Protein backbone atom coordinates (compact mmCIF):
# COMPACT_ATOMS: atom_id res chain seq x y z
CA UNK A 1 19.73 12.43 14.33
CA UNK A 2 19.24 9.58 11.88
CA UNK A 3 18.24 6.26 13.39
CA UNK A 4 18.86 3.06 11.45
CA UNK A 5 16.29 0.35 10.96
CA UNK A 6 17.66 -3.20 10.97
CA UNK A 7 16.11 -5.35 8.27
CA UNK A 8 17.07 -9.03 8.14
CA UNK A 9 15.71 -10.78 5.05
CA UNK A 10 14.99 -14.49 5.52
CA UNK A 11 13.49 -14.96 2.08
CA UNK A 12 13.00 -12.63 -0.86
CA UNK A 13 11.47 -13.22 -4.28
CA UNK A 14 9.44 -11.18 -6.73
CA UNK A 15 6.19 -12.47 -5.20
CA UNK A 16 6.95 -13.28 -1.55
CA UNK A 17 9.30 -12.07 1.17
CA UNK A 18 9.90 -12.67 4.87
CA UNK A 19 11.79 -10.12 7.00
CA UNK A 20 12.65 -9.42 10.61
CA UNK A 21 12.60 -5.65 11.07
CA UNK A 22 13.81 -3.77 14.16
CA UNK A 23 12.86 -0.12 14.64
CA UNK A 24 14.93 1.68 17.34
CA UNK A 25 14.05 4.49 19.73
CA UNK A 26 13.23 7.81 17.99
CA UNK A 27 12.21 6.12 14.73
CA UNK A 28 8.85 6.77 13.13
CA UNK A 29 7.23 5.83 9.84
CA UNK A 30 5.42 8.68 8.12
CA UNK A 31 1.95 8.14 6.66
CA UNK A 32 2.41 6.61 3.19
CA UNK A 33 1.29 4.06 0.58
CA UNK A 34 3.76 1.49 -0.79
CA UNK A 35 3.74 1.62 -4.60
CA UNK A 36 3.76 -1.62 -6.60
CA UNK A 37 4.18 -1.95 -10.34
CA UNK A 38 1.38 -4.47 -10.72
CA UNK A 39 -0.91 -6.75 -8.78
CA UNK A 40 -2.10 -6.64 -5.21
CA UNK A 41 0.28 -6.23 -2.30
CA UNK A 42 -0.47 -7.76 1.11
CA UNK A 43 1.50 -7.57 4.35
CA UNK A 44 1.08 -9.74 7.41
CA UNK A 45 2.96 -8.22 10.35
CA UNK A 46 3.56 -9.90 13.69
CA UNK A 47 4.73 -7.45 16.37
CA UNK A 48 7.22 -9.53 18.36
CA UNK A 49 8.32 -6.70 20.64
CA UNK A 50 6.40 -3.53 21.44
CA UNK A 51 8.31 -0.40 22.46
CA UNK A 52 7.77 0.90 25.99
CA UNK A 53 6.54 4.25 24.64
CA UNK A 54 5.08 5.02 21.21
CA UNK A 55 5.52 2.93 18.08
CA UNK A 56 1.79 2.62 17.45
CA UNK A 57 0.80 1.26 14.02
CA UNK A 58 -2.01 3.05 12.19
CA UNK A 59 -3.70 2.06 8.94
CA UNK A 60 -6.75 3.57 7.26
CA UNK A 61 -8.11 0.04 6.69
CA UNK A 62 -6.78 -3.23 8.11
CA UNK A 63 -8.08 -6.58 6.92
CA UNK A 64 -7.10 -8.05 10.32
CA UNK A 65 -5.99 -6.29 13.50
CA UNK A 66 -5.65 -8.82 16.30
CA UNK A 67 -4.82 -7.32 19.72
CA UNK A 68 -2.61 -4.64 18.09
CA UNK A 69 -0.03 -7.38 17.54
CA UNK A 70 -1.01 -9.05 14.26
CA UNK A 71 -1.92 -6.98 11.22
CA UNK A 72 -2.96 -7.99 7.72
CA UNK A 73 -3.33 -5.02 5.40
CA UNK A 74 -2.90 -3.73 1.86
CA UNK A 75 0.06 -1.30 1.96
CA UNK A 76 -0.43 -0.54 -1.75
CA UNK A 77 -4.00 0.63 -1.21
CA UNK A 78 -4.28 2.16 2.27
CA UNK A 79 -2.16 4.75 4.06
CA UNK A 80 -0.25 3.43 7.06
CA UNK A 81 2.24 4.77 9.59
CA UNK A 82 3.97 4.12 12.91
CA UNK A 83 4.15 6.82 15.58
CA UNK A 84 7.52 7.88 16.99
CA UNK A 85 9.10 5.34 19.29
CA UNK A 86 9.81 7.19 22.52
CA UNK A 87 11.48 4.36 24.41
CA UNK A 88 12.46 0.80 23.55
CA UNK A 89 12.29 -0.84 20.15
CA UNK A 90 9.66 -2.31 17.85
CA UNK A 91 10.41 -5.70 16.30
CA UNK A 92 8.31 -7.11 13.46
CA UNK A 93 8.22 -10.39 11.63
CA UNK A 94 6.70 -9.41 8.31
CA UNK A 95 5.43 -11.50 5.41
CA UNK A 96 4.81 -9.68 2.12
CA UNK A 97 2.91 -11.10 -0.83
CA UNK A 98 2.52 -9.41 -4.24
CA UNK A 99 0.05 -11.25 -6.48
């Protein structure tokens, strides 16, 4: 069964983007690194809604992890993933900067 992620872009440029991302039940994000062509890539994620079961973010190195709700990390440099969402949904407000 394929589950669809909803991604609503509020702003998108070559350097900066802002998105509201909703991950449904049964979705997971495999361990990966986000490739960039050049520069440094930063993501600041605000978890607006935690799933009831699962959906735990993991990163080999976070710059900031505040209460498992606010994450600043380098997705181009460190592996990151989200465990399978067993129940509920995970909603993120994410800011991405490539400098």
